[in-house]
Structure formats: structure tokens, C-alpha cells
């Protein structure tokens, strides 16, 4: 009897893995396409609901008497809520209504040539409906124009133009503006146009119009009242005033925010950790009523980490001042900032929209060292003077050049100083040389050197 053998066919382990891989790719692709399609369908439904809401709100405005078209606390004033929320099919929608007078250039502009003595030609209503994260792709808006019946008549007040610009005088579009005045009842929010401006014809005459300005990545600014209502006498950011039948212009400068990375190091560029200091600067708010000194929008006590590093994010550009505090001021002597201001060694300038790396150079008072400060007989610092420190017995003879603050620090990288007496010679072109001896024991601050013209 013959035994018949049959081969049994099936999938090998590798073939199974390949099949599983292909199935996984197919499933993931299908799921991704399905999820993306579902997301687009949901967003389309949200957009249709938002358009419907905007049309409903606009229809309400269309049915109002012209004189009643306005927002609560707005210019023009009315009964329409400028900022509200509604829920449609469990989805929350944010509804913003902005209504303004328009000074149409067809018949002139107030304050220009030709001059329009009635600048409130008609009203423009813009309704914006947002949902979700309220990004640009998650909002819709409708705009409509409403003309007065018959001949245009003055709405009274004056025209307030707010210009938001950067320090290069370039207008900033899309800046958020909050205009508030308790006396006139104005309390509204709007955004600047493509030129960085916003125009408010028909603004009630009055003083102390408070303006708050903000935009993502830019510094936020709030105008201030004058003393005694404020601790500062504002330099440029005082409240606005509106004179009737006139064009009133208020310009506010805002710049991109910046970052500061401060390193505290010794004169040989070794890190000095756990340093405490005060940092003051940024935007000048005004002069302090208490002492007449400048007041800034940034003033903080800070501490560098164990590596001598401290980072400060999103601060206003401007001049900053570094001052050692507490035990750091007791144990160290400040030398300079690098890079630093041309005239003040403890100050530096922060430009808009950058991340600045700056070093605070400080010297340990317990280390045998010499800090030389050279000036002329009028008290002006002398840059480029030669400072020669010499001790023949120790074989020490080093000459350094004073920096832009008139300073030179010993020792340099050539080696430490010893507890001993050294000869110090200071010389500079156009001046008589100065000779003295100095005994080194810890840090010696030689700041009484005044060269006399030759």
C-alpha cells in the first residue's frame, strides 16, 4: 500500500508580518482620511451656523431706526451688545459687533483739505462671529453701511483718530484698542485698520479718554492720567482729550517684545552663580511724582541660577539698568555690562524683537585684584589710557588699556596678584602720566585717578 504525501500550503511568519503591515497602513490611512473628512464637515456646519447668526444680528440692525444704530458704550452709542455669546446645537459662538461713524473722503475729511465739517457721514456695522479657538479660519464677518435719512446732520462732539505705530513710525494693523471714558459713557473695543489707525467721528467732547493697546508679540500699553490721579507724570502716554468740532489725533508707539539672557561672570569670564540683582527699564511710563526720576514698566529683583544665568522673556525694548543687591553687593564689585551703554557702565539697550545676550561683569572682593578708573581733571572718563602694574621682586609687569568707561582690571589671564605693593603708572596721549603705589590685599578699587592735560 502506497502512502501518498500531500503538501500543506499556508502563510509563513514573514508573510503574516507583511500582511499585517499592509493592513495597518491601510487602516491608519482610512482612519486619517475619515477623521479629516469629519473635521471638515464639522467646520463647514460651524461656518454655516456662524453665517446664519451674523445674518440674524445684521437683520436686527437693519430694522432699527438710524439714530438707534450703535453699541453699548460705543461711538455711536446704542443698545446693541458689542460682545456676546450664543449657543447653537451645543456649539458656543462668540459674536462681536463693531459700529462706527464713517467720514467718507467724497466730501472731504475733517481737519484736512477740503475740510468736512460734518464728519459723521454714515455708519458702518461689522459683525464677526467666532467659534472654537477663534483663529482666523474659525470666524466669519459681515459688513453693512447705513446712511441717514435725508440730509446728514452733525452728531456733535469731535473726531478722535488713534494711530498705533512702532518706533520706526510704521503703522501696526490689527492692534486691539479699548477706549474708555467714564464721564462720557464711552467703553468700546476695536482694532486698527491696515494703516494702524482707527477713526471715531462723533466722539463726545471730554478729557481723560483712557486707551489700552495690545497685540500678540507686541508690548501692551495703557495711557495714564496726569498727577495727582497717577503716580507718574506721563511722558507720551497720557490720556487723550477730544475737542468738539475738531480732529483730535493721538499716536501711541508699541514695539515687538524682546528677551534678555543675562550672564553674571567675573572679569576672566568665569560664571558667578546665585547672584542677586535688580533690573529696571523698558518702556518709560513717565517721571515719578515722588522724586522726579523716570518710571519704567519693568522693575524686578532677580537671582541668577547656579551657572550665573537668568533669562527674562517678553519684555519691552528700551534702556535697562543692572544693580547688584543684598549679599551679592556685599561680596562683589560691579564693573560693567557687556555690551553696555556708551556712557553708563551698568546700563544696556534692548532693541525690539530680539533675544539679547548680555554679561554683567562683577569682581569678587576677596580676590587679590585691582580695579583702575581713569578720568581727566573735569571728571570725564579716558578711554584707551595705558595702565601699567609692576612689581620687580615678583617679576610682575602687565600693561592694560582702559575701556570706554575708563576702567582696567588686574589681574588678566597671565596670573594672579600677590599680597604686596605694586607700582602703578597711568598714561594717555595729551596728558601727564600719573605715578603711584598700591598695596594689594583683596580687591582694591583705585577710582581717584585724574590725569592732568600735558
Protein backbone atom coordinates (compact mmCIF):
# COMPACT_ATOMS: atom_id res chain seq x y z
CA UNK A 1 0.00 0.00 0.00
CA UNK A 2 1.47 3.24 -1.07
CA UNK A 3 1.45 6.20 1.27
CA UNK A 4 0.57 9.37 -0.52
CA UNK A 5 2.12 12.52 0.97
CA UNK A 6 0.44 15.87 0.41
CA UNK A 7 2.00 19.28 0.95
CA UNK A 8 0.01 21.63 3.15
CA UNK A 9 0.16 25.24 1.94
CA UNK A 10 -0.18 28.32 4.29
CA UNK A 11 1.34 31.69 5.29
CA UNK A 12 4.84 31.85 6.66
CA UNK A 13 5.60 34.10 9.66
CA UNK A 14 7.24 36.73 7.44
CA UNK A 15 4.29 36.72 5.05
CA UNK A 16 1.98 37.24 8.03
CA UNK A 17 4.01 40.22 9.21
CA UNK A 18 3.92 41.76 5.72
CA UNK A 19 0.16 41.25 5.53
CA UNK A 20 -0.28 42.79 8.99
CA UNK A 21 1.88 45.78 7.99
CA UNK A 22 -0.13 46.40 4.83
CA UNK A 23 -3.37 46.11 6.77
CA UNK A 24 -2.10 48.57 9.39
CA UNK A 25 -1.10 51.14 6.77
CA UNK A 26 -4.48 50.80 5.08
CA UNK A 27 -6.36 51.12 8.36
CA UNK A 28 -4.37 54.15 9.53
CA UNK A 29 -4.79 55.86 6.15
CA UNK A 30 -8.52 55.20 6.16
CA UNK A 31 -8.84 56.48 9.74
CA UNK A 32 -6.84 59.65 8.92
CA UNK A 33 -8.96 60.38 5.85
CA UNK A 34 -12.14 59.67 7.80
CA UNK A 35 -11.05 61.92 10.69
CA UNK A 36 -10.01 64.74 8.37
CA UNK A 37 -13.26 64.48 6.45
CA UNK A 38 -15.29 64.51 9.66
CA UNK A 39 -13.37 67.58 10.85
CA UNK A 40 -14.09 69.43 7.60
CA UNK A 41 -17.77 68.52 7.81
CA UNK A 42 -17.97 69.81 11.40
CA UNK A 43 -16.16 73.04 10.49
CA UNK A 44 -18.46 73.53 7.49
CA UNK A 45 -21.50 73.15 9.76
CA UNK A 46 -19.98 75.61 12.25
CA UNK A 47 -19.32 78.09 9.45
CA UNK A 48 -22.89 77.84 8.16
CA UNK A 49 -24.23 78.36 11.68
CA UNK A 50 -21.92 81.35 12.16
CA UNK A 51 -23.06 82.93 8.87
CA UNK A 52 -26.67 82.41 9.91
CA UNK A 53 -26.02 84.09 13.28
CA UNK A 54 -24.26 87.02 11.60
CA UNK A 55 -27.19 87.47 9.22
CA UNK A 56 -29.65 87.41 12.13
CA UNK A 57 -27.70 90.08 14.01
CA UNK A 58 -27.36 92.22 10.89
CA UNK A 59 -31.09 91.93 10.23
CA UNK A 60 -31.77 93.25 13.73
CA UNK A 61 -29.61 96.31 12.95
CA UNK A 62 -31.37 96.82 9.59
CA UNK A 63 -34.70 97.09 11.39
CA UNK A 64 -33.51 99.79 13.79
CA UNK A 65 -34.08 103.50 13.38
CA UNK A 66 -30.84 105.12 12.10
CA UNK A 67 -30.40 107.13 15.30
CA UNK A 68 -30.64 103.92 17.35
CA UNK A 69 -27.89 102.07 15.49
CA UNK A 70 -24.97 101.83 17.90
CA UNK A 71 -23.41 99.68 20.60
CA UNK A 72 -23.46 99.90 24.37
CA UNK A 73 -20.72 102.37 25.33
CA UNK A 74 -19.80 102.81 21.67
CA UNK A 75 -19.43 105.70 19.26
CA UNK A 76 -22.25 105.96 18.24
CA UNK A 77 -23.94 104.81 21.42
CA UNK A 78 -26.85 102.39 21.19
CA UNK A 79 -28.50 99.34 22.73
CA UNK A 80 -26.67 96.59 20.81
CA UNK A 81 -24.37 94.37 22.90
CA UNK A 82 -20.89 94.60 21.31
CA UNK A 83 -19.61 91.36 22.87
CA UNK A 84 -21.90 88.39 23.44
CA UNK A 85 -22.07 84.60 23.27
CA UNK A 86 -24.77 82.32 21.85
CA UNK A 87 -25.10 78.53 21.70
CA UNK A 88 -26.33 76.78 18.56
CA UNK A 89 -26.63 72.96 18.62
CA UNK A 90 -24.29 72.74 21.65
CA UNK A 91 -21.64 74.86 19.87
CA UNK A 92 -20.70 78.17 21.52
CA UNK A 93 -20.28 81.19 19.24
CA UNK A 94 -18.60 84.49 20.14
CA UNK A 95 -20.35 87.47 18.49
CA UNK A 96 -18.59 90.83 18.20
CA UNK A 97 -20.44 93.87 16.87
CA UNK A 98 -18.49 96.98 15.86
CA UNK A 99 -20.39 100.07 14.68
CA UNK A 100 -18.62 103.31 13.73
CA UNK A 101 -19.31 106.57 12.02
CA UNK A 102 -17.52 106.91 8.70
CA UNK A 103 -16.01 110.16 7.44
CA UNK A 104 -16.19 109.47 3.71
CA UNK A 105 -13.48 111.27 1.68
CA UNK A 106 -16.04 112.03 -1.04
CA UNK A 107 -17.00 115.28 0.72
CA UNK A 108 -13.66 115.88 2.45
CA UNK A 109 -12.06 114.76 5.72
CA UNK A 110 -12.32 116.70 8.96
CA UNK A 111 -9.11 118.57 9.68
CA UNK A 112 -7.82 118.17 6.12
CA UNK A 113 -8.33 119.93 2.79
CA UNK A 114 -11.16 120.04 1.89
CA UNK A 115 -12.44 120.09 5.46
CA UNK A 116 -15.60 118.13 6.28
CA UNK A 117 -17.48 120.00 9.00
CA UNK A 118 -19.90 117.07 9.42
CA UNK A 119 -17.61 114.02 9.56
CA UNK A 120 -20.28 111.50 10.61
CA UNK A 121 -21.41 110.83 7.01
CA UNK A 122 -22.87 107.37 7.67
CA UNK A 123 -22.43 104.31 9.89
CA UNK A 124 -20.60 101.07 9.17
CA UNK A 125 -21.54 97.93 11.09
CA UNK A 126 -19.28 94.90 11.20
CA UNK A 127 -20.46 91.67 12.83
CA UNK A 128 -17.83 89.00 13.49
CA UNK A 129 -18.81 85.52 14.66
CA UNK A 130 -16.08 83.24 16.05
CA UNK A 131 -16.03 79.66 17.32
CA UNK A 132 -13.60 77.04 18.60
CA UNK A 133 -10.16 78.51 19.22
CA UNK A 134 -11.23 81.71 17.39
CA UNK A 135 -8.41 81.52 14.87
CA UNK A 136 -8.59 83.34 11.52
CA UNK A 137 -10.04 80.20 9.92
CA UNK A 138 -12.70 79.90 12.63
CA UNK A 139 -14.57 83.15 12.11
CA UNK A 140 -16.80 84.89 9.62
CA UNK A 141 -17.90 88.50 9.36
CA UNK A 142 -20.48 90.66 7.62
CA UNK A 143 -20.19 94.39 6.91
CA UNK A 144 -23.03 96.76 6.05
CA UNK A 145 -23.37 100.52 5.53
CA UNK A 146 -26.25 102.55 6.97
CA UNK A 147 -26.94 106.04 5.62
CA UNK A 148 -29.01 108.63 7.49
CA UNK A 149 -32.42 109.52 6.07
CA UNK A 150 -32.41 112.85 4.28
CA UNK A 151 -29.59 115.38 4.75
CA UNK A 152 -26.72 114.40 7.06
CA UNK A 153 -26.65 116.20 10.41
CA UNK A 154 -23.86 116.57 12.92
CA UNK A 155 -23.71 114.02 15.71
CA UNK A 156 -21.82 116.52 17.85
CA UNK A 157 -18.53 116.00 19.61
CA UNK A 158 -15.26 115.78 17.71
CA UNK A 159 -13.29 113.24 15.72
CA UNK A 160 -10.71 111.12 17.54
CA UNK A 161 -8.04 109.46 15.43
CA UNK A 162 -5.82 106.89 17.17
CA UNK A 163 -2.61 105.92 15.38
CA UNK A 164 -0.74 102.82 16.57
CA UNK A 165 2.81 102.79 15.21
CA UNK A 166 6.16 101.22 16.00
CA UNK A 167 9.35 103.14 16.79
CA UNK A 168 10.07 103.26 13.05
CA UNK A 169 6.78 105.14 12.50
CA UNK A 170 5.22 102.16 10.67
CA UNK A 171 1.52 101.61 11.33
CA UNK A 172 0.56 98.38 13.11
CA UNK A 173 -2.53 96.72 11.67
CA UNK A 174 -4.79 94.55 13.79
CA UNK A 175 -3.83 96.10 17.13
CA UNK A 176 -6.57 95.76 19.76
CA UNK A 177 -7.83 99.04 21.20
CA UNK A 178 -10.01 99.55 24.27
CA UNK A 179 -11.31 103.12 24.53
CA UNK A 180 -12.87 104.10 27.86
CA UNK A 181 -14.18 107.28 29.44
CA UNK A 182 -16.48 107.06 32.47
CA UNK A 183 -17.54 110.69 32.12
CA UNK A 184 -18.84 110.37 28.56
CA UNK A 185 -20.01 106.76 28.85
CA UNK A 186 -17.71 105.50 26.09
CA UNK A 187 -16.48 101.95 26.62
CA UNK A 188 -15.65 100.09 23.40
CA UNK A 189 -13.23 97.66 21.78
CA UNK A 190 -12.00 97.75 18.21
CA UNK A 191 -8.93 97.02 16.06
CA UNK A 192 -6.73 99.20 13.88
CA UNK A 193 -7.01 99.13 10.09
CA UNK A 194 -4.28 98.25 7.59
CA UNK A 195 -2.54 101.59 8.25
CA UNK A 196 -2.53 101.15 12.02
CA UNK A 197 -5.27 103.75 12.58
CA UNK A 198 -8.84 103.89 13.80
CA UNK A 199 -11.18 106.88 13.40
CA UNK A 200 -14.01 107.82 15.75
CA UNK A 201 -16.15 110.65 14.33
CA UNK A 202 -18.81 111.85 16.76
CA UNK A 203 -16.74 111.20 19.88
CA UNK A 204 -18.23 113.15 22.82
CA UNK A 205 -16.04 116.07 23.82
CA UNK A 206 -14.11 115.49 27.03
CA UNK A 207 -10.75 114.72 28.63
CA UNK A 208 -9.22 111.59 30.16
CA UNK A 209 -10.03 109.12 27.39
CA UNK A 210 -8.16 106.01 28.52
CA UNK A 211 -6.67 103.92 25.72
CA UNK A 212 -5.44 100.35 26.15
CA UNK A 213 -3.47 98.85 23.25
CA UNK A 214 -2.42 95.24 22.81
CA UNK A 215 -1.35 92.84 20.09
CA UNK A 216 0.21 89.42 20.16
CA UNK A 217 4.05 89.60 20.38
CA UNK A 218 3.91 93.38 20.99
CA UNK A 219 4.14 95.31 24.23
CA UNK A 220 0.83 96.28 25.83
CA UNK A 221 0.32 99.97 26.60
CA UNK A 222 -2.23 101.80 28.75
CA UNK A 223 -2.42 105.58 28.81
CA UNK A 224 -2.12 107.31 32.17
CA UNK A 225 -3.77 110.22 33.87
CA UNK A 226 -1.62 113.14 34.99
CA UNK A 227 -0.73 113.75 38.64
CA UNK A 228 -2.27 113.51 41.21
CA UNK A 229 -4.52 110.82 39.65
CA UNK A 230 -1.40 108.84 38.71
CA UNK A 231 1.95 108.21 40.46
CA UNK A 232 3.61 109.36 37.22
CA UNK A 233 3.58 112.45 35.10
CA UNK A 234 3.26 110.73 31.71
CA UNK A 235 5.89 111.48 29.09
CA UNK A 236 3.95 110.47 25.98
CA UNK A 237 1.26 108.01 27.07
CA UNK A 238 -1.17 110.39 28.74
CA UNK A 239 -4.94 110.05 28.31
CA UNK A 240 -6.45 111.53 25.15
CA UNK A 241 -8.73 114.56 25.02
CA UNK A 242 -11.42 115.37 22.47
CA UNK A 243 -12.35 118.93 21.45
CA UNK A 244 -15.71 119.40 19.76
CA UNK A 245 -15.77 120.13 16.00
CA UNK A 246 -12.07 119.30 15.65
CA UNK A 247 -9.84 116.44 14.57
CA UNK A 248 -8.04 115.10 17.66
CA UNK A 249 -5.06 112.86 16.91
CA UNK A 250 -3.48 110.50 19.45
CA UNK A 251 -0.43 108.46 18.41
CA UNK A 252 0.88 105.59 20.53
CA UNK A 253 4.12 103.71 19.88
CA UNK A 254 4.29 99.98 20.60
CA UNK A 255 7.17 97.69 19.65
CA UNK A 256 7.80 93.99 19.44
CA UNK A 257 8.60 92.32 22.75
CA UNK A 258 12.14 91.07 23.35
CA UNK A 259 14.03 88.59 25.53
CA UNK A 260 17.07 89.16 27.76
CA UNK A 261 19.61 86.47 28.67
CA UNK A 262 21.86 87.76 31.46
CA UNK A 263 25.09 86.00 32.46
CA UNK A 264 26.89 87.03 35.64
CA UNK A 265 30.63 86.45 35.20
CA UNK A 266 33.93 87.57 36.70
CA UNK A 267 36.46 89.63 34.67
CA UNK A 268 38.03 86.41 33.38
CA UNK A 269 34.65 85.22 32.08
CA UNK A 270 34.11 82.59 34.79
CA UNK A 271 30.47 82.13 35.82
CA UNK A 272 29.37 83.62 39.14
CA UNK A 273 26.28 81.74 40.33
CA UNK A 274 23.36 82.66 42.60
CA UNK A 275 23.85 86.40 42.07
CA UNK A 276 21.01 88.68 43.18
CA UNK A 277 20.35 91.91 41.33
CA UNK A 278 17.69 94.44 40.43
CA UNK A 279 16.78 95.04 36.79
CA UNK A 280 14.88 98.18 35.84
CA UNK A 281 13.98 99.50 32.42
CA UNK A 282 11.90 99.03 29.31
CA UNK A 283 9.15 101.47 28.45
CA UNK A 284 9.24 104.84 30.22
CA UNK A 285 5.85 105.42 31.85
CA UNK A 286 6.71 108.93 32.96
CA UNK A 287 8.50 110.79 35.71
CA UNK A 288 7.71 109.72 39.26
CA UNK A 289 5.77 112.29 41.23
CA UNK A 290 7.64 111.26 44.39
CA UNK A 291 11.19 112.05 43.23
CA UNK A 292 11.07 113.21 39.60
CA UNK A 293 13.01 110.13 38.45
CA UNK A 294 11.94 108.15 35.36
CA UNK A 295 9.46 105.36 36.00
CA UNK A 296 9.66 102.19 33.87
CA UNK A 297 7.27 99.34 33.18
CA UNK A 298 9.81 96.73 34.31
CA UNK A 299 11.35 96.68 37.79
CA UNK A 300 12.20 93.32 39.36
CA UNK A 301 14.57 91.77 41.89
CA UNK A 302 16.09 88.68 40.24
CA UNK A 303 18.53 85.88 41.02
CA UNK A 304 20.83 84.14 38.55
CA UNK A 305 20.97 80.36 38.80
CA UNK A 306 23.98 78.34 39.95
CA UNK A 307 25.51 78.72 36.48
CA UNK A 308 25.14 82.50 36.59
CA UNK A 309 22.29 82.55 34.05
CA UNK A 310 18.96 84.39 34.14
CA UNK A 311 16.51 84.69 31.24
CA UNK A 312 13.69 87.22 31.08
CA UNK A 313 11.11 86.79 28.32
CA UNK A 314 8.64 89.13 26.61
CA UNK A 315 9.74 92.50 27.96
CA UNK A 316 9.54 95.94 26.40
CA UNK A 317 12.54 97.23 24.48
CA UNK A 318 14.42 100.23 25.85
CA UNK A 319 17.20 101.08 28.27
CA UNK A 320 17.80 98.73 31.24
CA UNK A 321 19.81 99.25 34.43
CA UNK A 322 21.55 96.46 36.37
CA UNK A 323 22.21 96.90 40.14
CA UNK A 324 23.72 94.27 42.47
CA UNK A 325 21.58 93.55 45.53
CA UNK A 326 21.89 92.12 49.02
CA UNK A 327 24.82 89.72 49.67
CA UNK A 328 25.96 89.97 46.06
CA UNK A 329 26.51 93.70 46.51
CA UNK A 330 28.41 92.98 49.73
CA UNK A 331 30.71 90.34 48.24
CA UNK A 332 31.21 91.69 44.71
CA UNK A 333 32.03 94.92 42.91
CA UNK A 334 30.21 95.69 39.71
CA UNK A 335 32.45 96.53 36.75
CA UNK A 336 30.33 96.81 33.59
CA UNK A 337 27.69 95.35 31.28
CA UNK A 338 28.87 93.80 28.03
CA UNK A 339 27.53 95.04 25.68
CA UNK A 340 26.78 98.18 27.60
CA UNK A 341 25.61 101.71 27.14
CA UNK A 342 28.24 104.13 25.85
CA UNK A 343 28.05 106.39 28.90
CA UNK A 344 26.70 104.28 31.79
CA UNK A 345 28.55 101.06 32.62
CA UNK A 346 25.56 99.47 34.41
CA UNK A 347 23.06 100.08 31.58
CA UNK A 348 22.35 98.41 28.25
CA UNK A 349 19.93 98.92 25.37
CA UNK A 350 17.41 96.29 24.30
CA UNK A 351 16.17 96.61 20.70
CA UNK A 352 12.66 95.48 19.62
CA UNK A 353 12.02 91.89 18.64
CA UNK A 354 15.37 90.32 19.58
CA UNK A 355 16.90 87.97 22.15
CA UNK A 356 19.86 89.84 23.67
CA UNK A 357 22.75 88.04 25.36
CA UNK A 358 24.39 90.39 27.86
CA UNK A 359 27.04 89.84 30.52
CA UNK A 360 27.20 91.50 33.92
CA UNK A 361 30.89 91.53 34.83
CA UNK A 362 31.47 91.55 38.58
CA UNK A 363 34.62 91.11 40.68
CA UNK A 364 34.96 89.13 43.90
CA UNK A 365 36.11 91.48 46.67
CA UNK A 366 38.05 88.70 48.43
CA UNK A 367 40.28 88.03 45.39
CA UNK A 368 43.60 89.92 45.20
CA UNK A 369 42.88 92.35 42.36
CA UNK A 370 42.94 95.97 41.25
CA UNK A 371 40.22 97.97 39.52
CA UNK A 372 41.52 101.18 37.96
CA UNK A 373 39.22 104.03 36.86
CA UNK A 374 40.86 106.82 34.85
CA UNK A 375 39.36 110.27 34.30
CA UNK A 376 40.57 113.72 33.38
CA UNK A 377 40.54 116.67 35.75
CA UNK A 378 36.99 117.54 34.60
CA UNK A 379 35.66 114.12 35.58
CA UNK A 380 35.33 112.74 32.04
CA UNK A 381 36.46 109.14 31.56
CA UNK A 382 39.53 108.46 29.44
CA UNK A 383 39.27 105.53 27.07
CA UNK A 384 42.46 103.97 25.74
CA UNK A 385 44.73 105.04 28.61
CA UNK A 386 47.63 102.71 29.47
CA UNK A 387 47.64 101.23 32.97
CA UNK A 388 50.94 99.57 33.88
CA UNK A 389 51.16 97.50 37.09
CA UNK A 390 54.66 96.44 38.08
CA UNK A 391 56.45 94.59 40.88
CA UNK A 392 60.10 93.78 40.14
CA UNK A 393 60.52 91.41 43.07
CA UNK A 394 57.59 89.28 41.90
CA UNK A 395 58.55 89.59 38.25
CA UNK A 396 55.13 91.07 37.52
CA UNK A 397 54.85 93.68 34.74
CA UNK A 398 51.50 93.94 32.94
CA UNK A 399 50.06 96.84 30.92
CA UNK A 400 46.34 97.04 30.17
CA UNK A 401 44.25 99.56 28.24
CA UNK A 402 41.21 101.26 29.77
CA UNK A 403 37.84 100.51 28.17
CA UNK A 404 35.19 103.02 27.13
CA UNK A 405 34.31 103.53 30.79
CA UNK A 406 37.94 104.36 31.62
CA UNK A 407 38.36 101.09 33.52
CA UNK A 408 41.07 98.41 33.63
CA UNK A 409 41.07 95.30 35.84
CA UNK A 410 44.07 93.36 37.14
CA UNK A 411 44.92 90.50 37.03
CA UNK A 412 44.41 89.35 33.47
CA UNK A 413 44.80 85.75 32.29
CA UNK A 414 48.58 85.86 32.81
CA UNK A 415 48.31 85.06 36.51
CA UNK A 416 47.02 86.18 39.94
CA UNK A 417 48.22 89.10 42.04
CA UNK A 418 50.02 88.59 45.34
CA UNK A 419 49.57 90.40 48.65
CA UNK A 420 52.24 93.00 48.02
CA UNK A 421 52.92 96.58 46.95
CA UNK A 422 52.95 97.42 43.24
CA UNK A 423 53.95 100.43 41.15
CA UNK A 424 51.09 101.81 39.06
CA UNK A 425 51.68 104.08 36.06
CA UNK A 426 48.78 105.65 34.13
CA UNK A 427 49.49 107.42 30.84
CA UNK A 428 47.44 108.73 27.94
CA UNK A 429 48.07 110.90 24.88
CA UNK A 430 47.76 114.58 25.70
CA UNK A 431 48.01 114.05 29.46
CA UNK A 432 50.75 113.97 32.06
CA UNK A 433 51.47 110.48 33.39
CA UNK A 434 50.33 109.56 36.89
CA UNK A 435 52.62 107.53 39.20
CA UNK A 436 51.52 105.86 42.44
CA UNK A 437 51.95 102.75 44.55
CA UNK A 438 49.15 100.43 45.53
CA UNK A 439 49.10 97.68 48.17
CA UNK A 440 47.07 94.69 47.09
CA UNK A 441 45.04 92.91 49.75
CA UNK A 442 41.74 91.69 48.33
CA UNK A 443 40.07 93.90 45.73
CA UNK A 444 41.44 97.45 45.61
CA UNK A 445 39.25 99.98 43.80
CA UNK A 446 41.54 102.73 42.55
CA UNK A 447 38.96 105.26 41.38
CA UNK A 448 40.70 108.52 42.30
CA UNK A 449 42.99 108.80 39.28
CA UNK A 450 42.60 112.13 37.45
CA UNK A 451 45.03 112.90 34.65
CA UNK A 452 46.10 116.50 34.03
CA UNK A 453 46.49 117.77 30.47
CA UNK A 454 50.09 117.97 29.32
